[in-house]
PDB file of N, CA and C in Angstrom:
ATOM      1  N   UNK A   1      16.330  -5.045  12.657  1.00  0.00           N
ATOM      2  CA  UNK A   1      16.289  -4.053  11.557  1.00  0.00           C
ATOM      3  C   UNK A   1      15.795  -2.796  12.185  1.00  0.00           C
ATOM      4  N   UNK A   2      16.419  -1.689  11.902  1.00  0.00           N
ATOM      5  CA  UNK A   2      16.041  -0.374  12.504  1.00  0.00           C
ATOM      6  C   UNK A   2      14.844   0.229  11.684  1.00  0.00           C
ATOM      7  N   UNK A   3      14.237   1.223  12.330  1.00  0.00           N
ATOM      8  CA  UNK A   3      13.015   1.875  11.681  1.00  0.00           C
ATOM      9  C   UNK A   3      13.491   2.589  10.481  1.00  0.00           C
ATOM     10  N   UNK A   4      14.709   3.137  10.463  1.00  0.00           N
ATOM     11  CA  UNK A   4      15.134   3.806   9.169  1.00  0.00           C
ATOM     12  C   UNK A   4      15.330   2.864   8.076  1.00  0.00           C
ATOM     13  N   UNK A   5      15.883   1.656   8.337  1.00  0.00           N
ATOM     14  CA  UNK A   5      16.056   0.670   7.264  1.00  0.00           C
ATOM     15  C   UNK A   5      14.646   0.114   6.800  1.00  0.00           C
ATOM     16  N   UNK A   6      13.783  -0.009   7.773  1.00  0.00           N
ATOM     17  CA  UNK A   6      12.407  -0.499   7.330  1.00  0.00           C
ATOM     18  C   UNK A   6      11.772   0.590   6.412  1.00  0.00           C
ATOM     19  N   UNK A   7      11.819   1.792   6.757  1.00  0.00           N
ATOM     20  CA  UNK A   7      11.253   2.893   5.987  1.00  0.00           C
ATOM     21  C   UNK A   7      11.955   3.002   4.621  1.00  0.00           C
ATOM     22  N   UNK A   8      13.235   2.893   4.542  1.00  0.00           N
ATOM     23  CA  UNK A   8      13.915   2.946   3.245  1.00  0.00           C
ATOM     24  C   UNK A   8      13.575   1.803   2.358  1.00  0.00           C
ATOM     25  N   UNK A   9      13.531   0.571   2.855  1.00  0.00           N
ATOM     26  CA  UNK A   9      13.228  -0.602   2.072  1.00  0.00           C
ATOM     27  C   UNK A   9      11.673  -0.513   1.655  1.00  0.00           C
ATOM     28  N   UNK A  10      10.802  -0.103   2.618  1.00  0.00           N
ATOM     29  CA  UNK A  10       9.439   0.024   2.212  1.00  0.00           C
ATOM     30  C   UNK A  10       9.229   1.057   1.045  1.00  0.00           C
ATOM     31  N   UNK A  11       9.939   2.172   1.142  1.00  0.00           N
ATOM     32  CA  UNK A  11       9.834   3.158   0.085  1.00  0.00           C
ATOM     33  C   UNK A  11      10.297   2.592  -1.201  1.00  0.00           C
ATOM     34  N   UNK A  12      11.410   1.873  -1.250  1.00  0.00           N
ATOM     35  CA  UNK A  12      11.813   1.266  -2.547  1.00  0.00           C
ATOM     36  C   UNK A  12      10.801   0.255  -3.029  1.00  0.00           C
ATOM     37  N   UNK A  13      10.267  -0.657  -2.168  1.00  0.00           N
ATOM     38  CA  UNK A  13       9.290  -1.626  -2.625  1.00  0.00           C
ATOM     39  C   UNK A  13       8.029  -0.856  -3.112  1.00  0.00           C
ATOM     40  N   UNK A  14       7.609   0.249  -2.402  1.00  0.00           N
ATOM     41  CA  UNK A  14       6.397   0.954  -2.830  1.00  0.00           C
ATOM     42  C   UNK A  14       6.581   1.640  -4.187  1.00  0.00           C
ATOM     43  N   UNK A  15       7.745   2.157  -4.469  1.00  0.00           N
ATOM     44  CA  UNK A  15       7.998   2.785  -5.793  1.00  0.00           C
ATOM     45  C   UNK A  15       7.981   1.714  -6.903  1.00  0.00           C
ATOM     46  N   UNK A  16       8.664   0.635  -6.679  1.00  0.00           N
ATOM     47  CA  UNK A  16       8.652  -0.447  -7.704  1.00  0.00           C
ATOM     48  C   UNK A  16       7.190  -0.982  -7.918  1.00  0.00           C
ATOM     49  N   UNK A  17       6.496  -1.162  -6.864  1.00  0.00           N
ATOM     50  CA  UNK A  17       5.173  -1.710  -6.937  1.00  0.00           C
ATOM     51  C   UNK A  17       4.322  -0.628  -7.661  1.00  0.00           C
ATOM     52  N   UNK A  18       4.402   0.619  -7.465  1.00  0.00           N
ATOM     53  CA  UNK A  18       3.611   1.658  -8.093  1.00  0.00           C
ATOM     54  C   UNK A  18       3.838   1.586  -9.698  1.00  0.00           C
ATOM     55  N   UNK A  19       5.069   1.566 -10.025  1.00  0.00           N
ATOM     56  CA  UNK A  19       5.323   1.442 -11.535  1.00  0.00           C
ATOM     57  C   UNK A  19       4.815   0.130 -12.110  1.00  0.00           C
ATOM     58  N   UNK A  20       4.719  -0.914 -11.286  1.00  0.00           N
ATOM     59  CA  UNK A  20       4.149  -2.150 -11.750  1.00  0.00           C
ATOM     60  C   UNK A  20       2.642  -2.027 -11.869  1.00  0.00           C
ATOM     61  N   UNK A  21       1.973  -1.408 -10.964  1.00  0.00           N
ATOM     62  CA  UNK A  21       0.534  -1.276 -10.951  1.00  0.00           C
ATOM     63  C   UNK A  21      -0.063  -0.249 -11.870  1.00  0.00           C
ATOM     64  N   UNK A  22       0.714   0.847 -12.200  1.00  0.00           N
ATOM     65  CA  UNK A  22       0.219   1.952 -13.028  1.00  0.00           C
ATOM     66  C   UNK A  22      -0.474   1.494 -14.347  1.00  0.00           C
ATOM     67  N   UNK A  23       0.105   0.526 -15.134  1.00  0.00           N
ATOM     68  CA  UNK A  23      -0.564   0.231 -16.416  1.00  0.00           C
ATOM     69  C   UNK A  23      -1.809  -0.577 -16.327  1.00  0.00           C
ATOM     70  N   UNK A  24      -2.220  -1.129 -15.179  1.00  0.00           N
ATOM     71  CA  UNK A  24      -3.424  -1.983 -15.030  1.00  0.00           C
ATOM     72  C   UNK A  24      -4.697  -1.154 -15.260  1.00  0.00           C
ATOM     73  N   UNK A  25      -5.557  -1.580 -16.225  1.00  0.00           N
ATOM     74  CA  UNK A  25      -6.831  -1.044 -16.436  1.00  0.00           C
ATOM     75  C   UNK A  25      -6.727   0.279 -17.269  1.00  0.00           C
ATOM     76  N   UNK A  26      -5.650   0.583 -17.807  1.00  0.00           N
ATOM     77  CA  UNK A  26      -5.575   1.878 -18.555  1.00  0.00           C
ATOM     78  C   UNK A  26      -6.331   1.678 -19.944  1.00  0.00           C
ATOM     79  N   UNK A  27      -7.010   2.599 -20.286  1.00  0.00           N
ATOM     80  CA  UNK A  27      -7.731   2.612 -21.602  1.00  0.00           C
ATOM     81  C   UNK A  27      -7.519   3.929 -22.275  1.00  0.00           C
ATOM     82  N   UNK A  28      -7.156   4.039 -23.526  1.00  0.00           N
ATOM     83  CA  UNK A  28      -6.964   5.276 -24.156  1.00  0.00           C
ATOM     84  C   UNK A  28      -8.362   5.709 -24.708  1.00  0.00           C
ATOM     85  N   UNK A  29      -8.381   6.983 -25.202  1.00  0.00           N
ATOM     86  CA  UNK A  29      -9.672   7.528 -25.694  1.00  0.00           C
ATOM     87  C   UNK A  29     -10.194   6.675 -26.904  1.00  0.00           C
ATOM     88  N   UNK A  30      -9.213   6.161 -27.797  1.00  0.00           N
ATOM     89  CA  UNK A  30      -9.676   5.351 -28.896  1.00  0.00           C
ATOM     90  C   UNK A  30     -10.308   4.047 -28.370  1.00  0.00           C
ATOM     91  N   UNK A  31      -9.708   3.467 -27.415  1.00  0.00           N
ATOM     92  CA  UNK A  31     -10.249   2.177 -26.860  1.00  0.00           C
ATOM     93  C   UNK A  31     -11.572   2.363 -26.135  1.00  0.00           C
ATOM     94  N   UNK A  32     -11.793   3.538 -25.524  1.00  0.00           N
ATOM     95  CA  UNK A  32     -12.982   3.807 -24.763  1.00  0.00           C
ATOM     96  C   UNK A  32     -14.077   4.421 -25.683  1.00  0.00           C
ATOM     97  N   UNK A  33     -13.688   4.777 -26.888  1.00  0.00           N
ATOM     98  CA  UNK A  33     -14.651   5.316 -27.850  1.00  0.00           C
ATOM     99  C   UNK A  33     -15.056   6.764 -27.516  1.00  0.00           C
ATOM    100  N   UNK A  34     -14.136   7.479 -26.858  1.00  0.00           N
ATOM    101  CA  UNK A  34     -14.363   8.849 -26.494  1.00  0.00           C
ATOM    102  C   UNK A  34     -13.666   9.791 -27.449  1.00  0.00           C
ATOM    103  N   UNK A  35     -14.041  11.023 -27.464  1.00  0.00           N
ATOM    104  CA  UNK A  35     -13.422  12.141 -28.362  1.00  0.00           C
ATOM    105  C   UNK A  35     -12.160  12.535 -27.643  1.00  0.00           C
ATOM    106  N   UNK A  36     -11.124  12.838 -28.349  1.00  0.00           N
ATOM    107  CA  UNK A  36      -9.838  13.343 -27.853  1.00  0.00           C
ATOM    108  C   UNK A  36      -9.917  14.795 -27.633  1.00  0.00           C
ATOM    109  N   UNK A  37      -9.208  15.331 -26.624  1.00  0.00           N
ATOM    110  CA  UNK A  37      -9.066  16.766 -26.443  1.00  0.00           C
ATOM    111  C   UNK A  37      -7.951  17.240 -27.327  1.00  0.00           C
ATOM    112  N   UNK A  38      -8.079  18.434 -27.852  1.00  0.00           N
ATOM    113  CA  UNK A  38      -7.045  19.002 -28.740  1.00  0.00           C
ATOM    114  C   UNK A  38      -5.764  19.020 -28.051  1.00  0.00           C
ATOM    115  N   UNK A  39      -4.725  18.447 -28.651  1.00  0.00           N
ATOM    116  CA  UNK A  39      -3.329  18.427 -28.038  1.00  0.00           C
ATOM    117  C   UNK A  39      -3.098  17.224 -27.232  1.00  0.00           C
ATOM    118  N   UNK A  40      -4.133  16.336 -27.049  1.00  0.00           N
ATOM    119  CA  UNK A  40      -3.919  15.134 -26.233  1.00  0.00           C
ATOM    120  C   UNK A  40      -3.159  14.097 -26.900  1.00  0.00           C
ATOM    121  N   UNK A  41      -2.190  13.437 -26.143  1.00  0.00           N
ATOM    122  CA  UNK A  41      -1.458  12.334 -26.690  1.00  0.00           C
ATOM    123  C   UNK A  41      -2.334  11.221 -26.995  1.00  0.00           C
ATOM    124  N   UNK A  42      -1.970  10.401 -27.962  1.00  0.00           N
ATOM    125  CA  UNK A  42      -2.760   9.244 -28.360  1.00  0.00           C
ATOM    126  C   UNK A  42      -2.780   8.212 -27.233  1.00  0.00           C
ATOM    127  N   UNK A  43      -1.703   8.115 -26.421  1.00  0.00           N
ATOM    128  CA  UNK A  43      -1.639   7.118 -25.330  1.00  0.00           C
ATOM    129  C   UNK A  43      -2.142   7.639 -23.977  1.00  0.00           C
ATOM    130  N   UNK A  44      -2.678   8.786 -23.945  1.00  0.00           N
ATOM    131  CA  UNK A  44      -3.244   9.332 -22.619  1.00  0.00           C
ATOM    132  C   UNK A  44      -4.414   8.594 -22.164  1.00  0.00           C
ATOM    133  N   UNK A  45      -4.428   8.198 -20.951  1.00  0.00           N
ATOM    134  CA  UNK A  45      -5.567   7.383 -20.379  1.00  0.00           C
ATOM    135  C   UNK A  45      -6.768   8.294 -20.146  1.00  0.00           C
ATOM    136  N   UNK A  46      -7.995   7.632 -20.368  1.00  0.00           N
ATOM    137  CA  UNK A  46      -9.166   8.438 -20.112  1.00  0.00           C
ATOM    138  C   UNK A  46      -9.465   8.536 -18.634  1.00  0.00           C
ATOM    139  N   UNK A  47      -9.326   7.475 -17.877  1.00  0.00           N
ATOM    140  CA  UNK A  47      -9.544   7.459 -16.376  1.00  0.00           C
ATOM    141  C   UNK A  47      -8.301   6.747 -15.741  1.00  0.00           C
ATOM    142  N   UNK A  48      -7.390   7.464 -15.244  1.00  0.00           N
ATOM    143  CA  UNK A  48      -6.143   6.785 -14.774  1.00  0.00           C
ATOM    144  C   UNK A  48      -6.369   6.025 -13.451  1.00  0.00           C
ATOM    145  N   UNK A  49      -7.476   6.359 -12.660  1.00  0.00           N
ATOM    146  CA  UNK A  49      -7.819   5.700 -11.398  1.00  0.00           C
ATOM    147  C   UNK A  49      -6.569   5.707 -10.475  1.00  0.00           C
ATOM    148  N   UNK A  50      -6.084   6.843 -10.216  1.00  0.00           N
ATOM    149  CA  UNK A  50      -4.770   6.930  -9.412  1.00  0.00           C
ATOM    150  C   UNK A  50      -5.046   6.654  -8.018  1.00  0.00           C
ATOM    151  N   UNK A  51      -6.180   7.083  -7.398  1.00  0.00           N
ATOM    152  CA  UNK A  51      -6.400   6.837  -5.975  1.00  0.00           C
ATOM    153  C   UNK A  51      -6.477   5.360  -5.722  1.00  0.00           C
ATOM    154  N   UNK A  52      -7.154   4.650  -6.597  1.00  0.00           N
ATOM    155  CA  UNK A  52      -7.323   3.152  -6.449  1.00  0.00           C
ATOM    156  C   UNK A  52      -5.988   2.486  -6.560  1.00  0.00           C
ATOM    157  N   UNK A  53      -5.184   2.998  -7.515  1.00  0.00           N
ATOM    158  CA  UNK A  53      -3.855   2.342  -7.707  1.00  0.00           C
ATOM    159  C   UNK A  53      -2.902   2.629  -6.569  1.00  0.00           C
ATOM    160  N   UNK A  54      -2.966   3.908  -5.987  1.00  0.00           N
ATOM    161  CA  UNK A  54      -2.144   4.211  -4.806  1.00  0.00           C
ATOM    162  C   UNK A  54      -2.514   3.335  -3.630  1.00  0.00           C
ATOM    163  N   UNK A  55      -3.817   3.091  -3.483  1.00  0.00           N
ATOM    164  CA  UNK A  55      -4.294   2.179  -2.409  1.00  0.00           C
ATOM    165  C   UNK A  55      -3.764   0.782  -2.595  1.00  0.00           C
ATOM    166  N   UNK A  56      -3.857   0.293  -3.737  1.00  0.00           N
ATOM    167  CA  UNK A  56      -3.430  -1.102  -4.053  1.00  0.00           C
ATOM    168  C   UNK A  56      -1.872  -1.167  -3.897  1.00  0.00           C
ATOM    169  N   UNK A  57      -1.202  -0.123  -4.303  1.00  0.00           N
ATOM    170  CA  UNK A  57       0.245  -0.123  -4.169  1.00  0.00           C
ATOM    171  C   UNK A  57       0.606  -0.162  -2.710  1.00  0.00           C
ATOM    172  N   UNK A  58      -0.017   0.628  -1.902  1.00  0.00           N
ATOM    173  CA  UNK A  58       0.295   0.616  -0.487  1.00  0.00           C
ATOM    174  C   UNK A  58       0.029  -0.697   0.183  1.00  0.00           C
ATOM    175  N   UNK A  59      -1.135  -1.346  -0.162  1.00  0.00           N
ATOM    176  CA  UNK A  59      -1.509  -2.670   0.430  1.00  0.00           C
ATOM    177  C   UNK A  59      -0.483  -3.736  -0.020  1.00  0.00           C
ATOM    178  N   UNK A  60      -0.264  -3.803  -1.285  1.00  0.00           N
ATOM    179  CA  UNK A  60       0.627  -4.831  -1.804  1.00  0.00           C
ATOM    180  C   UNK A  60       2.074  -4.617  -1.266  1.00  0.00           C
ATOM    181  N   UNK A  61       2.504  -3.322  -1.133  1.00  0.00           N
ATOM    182  CA  UNK A  61       3.837  -3.138  -0.641  1.00  0.00           C
ATOM    183  C   UNK A  61       3.913  -3.467   0.891  1.00  0.00           C
ATOM    184  N   UNK A  62       2.892  -3.244   1.642  1.00  0.00           N
ATOM    185  CA  UNK A  62       2.877  -3.680   3.056  1.00  0.00           C
ATOM    186  C   UNK A  62       3.015  -5.136   3.208  1.00  0.00           C
ATOM    187  N   UNK A  63       2.395  -5.875   2.309  1.00  0.00           N
ATOM    188  CA  UNK A  63       2.430  -7.354   2.352  1.00  0.00           C
ATOM    189  C   UNK A  63       3.856  -7.765   2.100  1.00  0.00           C
ATOM    190  N   UNK A  64       4.392  -7.174   0.967  1.00  0.00           N
ATOM    191  CA  UNK A  64       5.797  -7.579   0.512  1.00  0.00           C
ATOM    192  C   UNK A  64       6.763  -7.192   1.656  1.00  0.00           C
ATOM    193  N   UNK A  65       6.595  -6.034   2.283  1.00  0.00           N
ATOM    194  CA  UNK A  65       7.498  -5.586   3.366  1.00  0.00           C
ATOM    195  C   UNK A  65       7.410  -6.498   4.587  1.00  0.00           C
ATOM    196  N   UNK A  66       6.163  -6.923   4.910  1.00  0.00           N
ATOM    197  CA  UNK A  66       6.018  -7.839   5.998  1.00  0.00           C
ATOM    198  C   UNK A  66       6.879  -9.091   5.718  1.00  0.00           C
ATOM    199  N   UNK A  67       6.801  -9.635   4.484  1.00  0.00           N
ATOM    200  CA  UNK A  67       7.622 -10.762   4.142  1.00  0.00           C
ATOM    201  C   UNK A  67       9.029 -10.534   4.150  1.00  0.00           C
ATOM    202  N   UNK A  68       9.552  -9.401   3.794  1.00  0.00           N
ATOM    203  CA  UNK A  68      10.966  -9.074   3.859  1.00  0.00           C
ATOM    204  C   UNK A  68      11.356  -8.986   5.315  1.00  0.00           C
ATOM    205  N   UNK A  69      10.525  -8.327   6.140  1.00  0.00           N
ATOM    206  CA  UNK A  69      10.868  -8.161   7.594  1.00  0.00           C
ATOM    207  C   UNK A  69      10.881  -9.506   8.225  1.00  0.00           C
ATOM    208  N   UNK A  70       9.962 -10.409   7.986  1.00  0.00           N
ATOM    209  CA  UNK A  70       9.872 -11.701   8.470  1.00  0.00           C
ATOM    210  C   UNK A  70      11.214 -12.610   8.160  1.00  0.00           C
ATOM    211  N   UNK A  71      11.563 -12.437   6.858  1.00  0.00           N
ATOM    212  CA  UNK A  71      12.762 -13.141   6.352  1.00  0.00           C
ATOM    213  C   UNK A  71      14.000 -12.593   7.071  1.00  0.00           C
ATOM    214  N   UNK A  72      14.085 -11.326   7.314  1.00  0.00           N
ATOM    215  CA  UNK A  72      15.139 -10.752   7.988  1.00  0.00           C
ATOM    216  C   UNK A  72      15.158 -11.082   9.505  1.00  0.00           C
ATOM    217  N   UNK A  73      13.999 -11.177  10.140  1.00  0.00           N
ATOM    218  CA  UNK A  73      13.976 -11.495  11.547  1.00  0.00           C
ATOM    219  C   UNK A  73      14.285 -13.012  11.740  1.00  0.00           C
ATOM    220  N   UNK A  74      13.878 -13.880  10.779  1.00  0.00           N
ATOM    221  CA  UNK A  74      14.130 -15.300  10.895  1.00  0.00           C
ATOM    222  C   UNK A  74      15.615 -15.703  10.618  1.00  0.00           C
ATOM    223  N   UNK A  75      16.388 -14.707  10.179  1.00  0.00           N
ATOM    224  CA  UNK A  75      17.802 -14.992   9.954  1.00  0.00           C
ATOM    225  C   UNK A  75      18.171 -15.402   8.596  1.00  0.00           C
ATOM    226  N   UNK A  76      17.178 -15.519   7.671  1.00  0.00           N
ATOM    227  CA  UNK A  76      17.537 -15.937   6.325  1.00  0.00           C
ATOM    228  C   UNK A  76      18.181 -14.898   5.509  1.00  0.00           C
ATOM    229  N   UNK A  77      17.894 -13.581   5.849  1.00  0.00           N
ATOM    230  CA  UNK A  77      18.485 -12.430   5.216  1.00  0.00           C
ATOM    231  C   UNK A  77      19.214 -11.559   6.227  1.00  0.00           C
ATOM    232  N   UNK A  78      20.487 -11.415   6.014  1.00  0.00           N
ATOM    233  CA  UNK A  78      21.248 -10.640   6.974  1.00  0.00           C
ATOM    234  C   UNK A  78      21.658  -9.290   6.393  1.00  0.00           C
ATOM    235  N   UNK A  79      21.090  -8.269   6.940  1.00  0.00           N
ATOM    236  CA  UNK A  79      21.376  -6.923   6.494  1.00  0.00           C
ATOM    237  C   UNK A  79      22.691  -6.375   6.956  1.00  0.00           C
ATOM    238  N   UNK A  80      23.120  -6.818   8.164  1.00  0.00           N
ATOM    239  CA  UNK A  80      24.401  -6.367   8.773  1.00  0.00           C
ATOM    240  C   UNK A  80      25.315  -7.510   8.983  1.00  0.00           C
ATOM    241  N   UNK A  81      26.100  -7.920   8.014  1.00  0.00           N
ATOM    242  CA  UNK A  81      27.002  -9.056   8.194  1.00  0.00           C
ATOM    243  C   UNK A  81      28.104  -8.776   9.240  1.00  0.00           C
ATOM    244  N   UNK A  82      28.422  -9.837   9.973  1.00  0.00           N
ATOM    245  CA  UNK A  82      29.414  -9.747  11.111  1.00  0.00           C
ATOM    246  C   UNK A  82      30.839  -9.604  10.579  1.00  0.00           C
TER     247      UNK A  82
END
């Protein structure tokens, strides 16, 4: 598997994982018991914790990519059929 393929597959895995991780731990102002800012959407999170979610996304994606790479190197997944 070439480095370009690894990067492209990792980017796809990272993006899907990010959208999976984003809703974890989200609390709205109503749920947190805080006052809303004028013009704020009802569903807006009080603390989105993006840095923590980006770190978790990167770690989980690296583990998944390692699994995909191992499966490809073991011959179970053929990216370039003969």
